[in-house]
Amino acid sequence: MFGRKKTSIDHNSGTGCGYVLWVGFGLVVLLLMNGLLVRAFLMRNTDDLMDIRLAQTLQFIMPLALIALEFWIFDRITRNWRRK
C-alpha cells in the first residue's frame, strides 16, 4: 500500500542527450526564421518617425516571444495528441 508503484519506462519520453540536441537545433532554426521574419516586417513598416532604439528592441524581443509562443503551441498539440 505504501510501497513504490511500478511504473513503465517510456524510452521515448523526451530525455537524454539526443533529445537535448534536437531541441537545441530546433531552437536555433526557429530563432533564425523568427529573426528574419521580424526583420523583414520591421524593414517594410519602418518610417522615418520610428526611433532606431525601438526598432532594435523589437528585433531582439519579438523573435524570443515568438519562440515562446511556438513552444507553447507545440506543447499543447503534443499533450492533446498523447491523450488519445
Foldseek 3Di string as FASTA:
>chain_A
DPDDDDDDDDPPPQDDDVSVVVVVVVLVVLLVVQLVVLVVVCVVPPDPPDDPVVSVVCSPPRSVVVVVVVVVVVVVVVVVVVVD
